[in-house]
């Protein structure tokens, strides 16, 4: 998966909400980045995440176990991108 920004989680409602909020945050920031979604628990665990959903940029986990709102995501992305 080549996307820099990834959602880690099974594809549950919380994971999907985090993905949509991330896409909205990117749009607000004027960034044209694709958002990937890792659903493989072995790969998620290999990244050190035990509680989903999680948000990662460049394989660095920025948040886990919480559905961030658009504004929270924007703050994290502004620091990382």
Protein backbone atom coordinates (compact mmCIF):
# COMPACT_ATOMS: atom_id res chain seq x y z
CA UNK A 1 0.00 0.00 0.00
CA UNK A 2 1.59 3.25 -1.12
CA UNK A 3 -0.65 5.75 0.63
CA UNK A 4 1.11 7.91 3.22
CA UNK A 5 -2.04 8.24 5.31
CA UNK A 6 -3.63 5.07 6.64
CA UNK A 7 -6.58 4.09 8.79
CA UNK A 8 -5.95 0.94 10.80
CA UNK A 9 -8.98 -1.12 11.77
CA UNK A 10 -11.32 -3.92 10.82
CA UNK A 11 -13.64 -1.77 8.75
CA UNK A 12 -16.10 -1.24 11.61
CA UNK A 13 -18.29 1.84 11.83
CA UNK A 14 -15.75 3.71 14.01
CA UNK A 15 -12.97 2.95 11.52
CA UNK A 16 -15.11 4.14 8.62
CA UNK A 17 -16.04 7.36 10.46
CA UNK A 18 -12.35 8.04 11.15
CA UNK A 19 -11.60 7.48 7.45
CA UNK A 20 -14.34 9.90 6.36
CA UNK A 21 -13.23 12.52 8.92
CA UNK A 22 -9.65 12.17 7.65
CA UNK A 23 -10.73 12.68 4.05
CA UNK A 24 -12.71 15.79 5.06
CA UNK A 25 -9.72 17.16 6.99
CA UNK A 26 -7.46 16.65 3.97
CA UNK A 27 -9.97 18.41 1.75
CA UNK A 28 -10.16 21.36 4.17
CA UNK A 29 -6.37 21.57 4.20
CA UNK A 30 -6.27 21.52 0.40
CA UNK A 31 -4.20 18.33 0.37
CA UNK A 32 -4.69 15.80 -2.38
CA UNK A 33 -3.63 12.68 -0.47
CA UNK A 34 -5.15 9.23 -0.76
CA UNK A 35 -6.24 7.48 2.43
CA UNK A 36 -5.47 3.77 2.73
CA UNK A 37 -7.19 1.33 5.07
CA UNK A 38 -5.32 -1.55 6.68
CA UNK A 39 -7.69 -4.28 7.86
CA UNK A 40 -5.17 -7.08 8.48
CA UNK A 41 -4.80 -7.46 12.25
CA UNK A 42 -1.30 -8.93 11.95
CA UNK A 43 -0.17 -5.84 10.05
CA UNK A 44 -1.97 -3.55 12.52
CA UNK A 45 -0.32 -5.31 15.49
CA UNK A 46 3.06 -5.10 13.74
CA UNK A 47 2.65 -1.31 13.82
CA UNK A 48 2.19 -1.49 17.60
CA UNK A 49 -1.56 -0.84 17.59
CA UNK A 50 -3.73 -2.97 19.86
CA UNK A 51 -6.79 -0.68 19.96
CA UNK A 52 -8.47 0.49 16.78
CA UNK A 53 -9.35 2.65 15.00
CA UNK A 54 -5.94 4.22 14.44
CA UNK A 55 -4.54 6.93 12.19
CA UNK A 56 -1.02 6.67 10.79
CA UNK A 57 1.05 8.92 8.54
CA UNK A 58 4.22 7.55 6.94
CA UNK A 59 3.81 4.46 9.16
CA UNK A 60 3.92 6.63 12.31
CA UNK A 61 0.84 6.05 14.46
CA UNK A 62 -0.64 9.43 15.45
CA UNK A 63 -3.76 8.24 17.23
CA UNK A 64 -5.38 4.98 18.26
CA UNK A 65 -8.48 3.80 20.09
CA UNK A 66 -10.40 6.97 19.34
CA UNK A 67 -12.54 8.40 16.55
CA UNK A 68 -10.98 11.82 16.00
CA UNK A 69 -13.11 14.64 14.66
CA UNK A 70 -12.10 16.62 11.59
CA UNK A 71 -10.48 19.44 13.57
CA UNK A 72 -8.36 17.05 15.67
CA UNK A 73 -7.18 15.32 12.50
CA UNK A 74 -6.35 18.63 10.82
CA UNK A 75 -4.06 19.57 13.75
CA UNK A 76 -2.24 16.24 13.57
CA UNK A 77 -1.87 16.37 9.78
CA UNK A 78 -0.58 19.95 9.82
CA UNK A 79 2.27 18.79 12.10
CA UNK A 80 3.10 15.68 10.06
CA UNK A 81 2.66 16.71 6.42
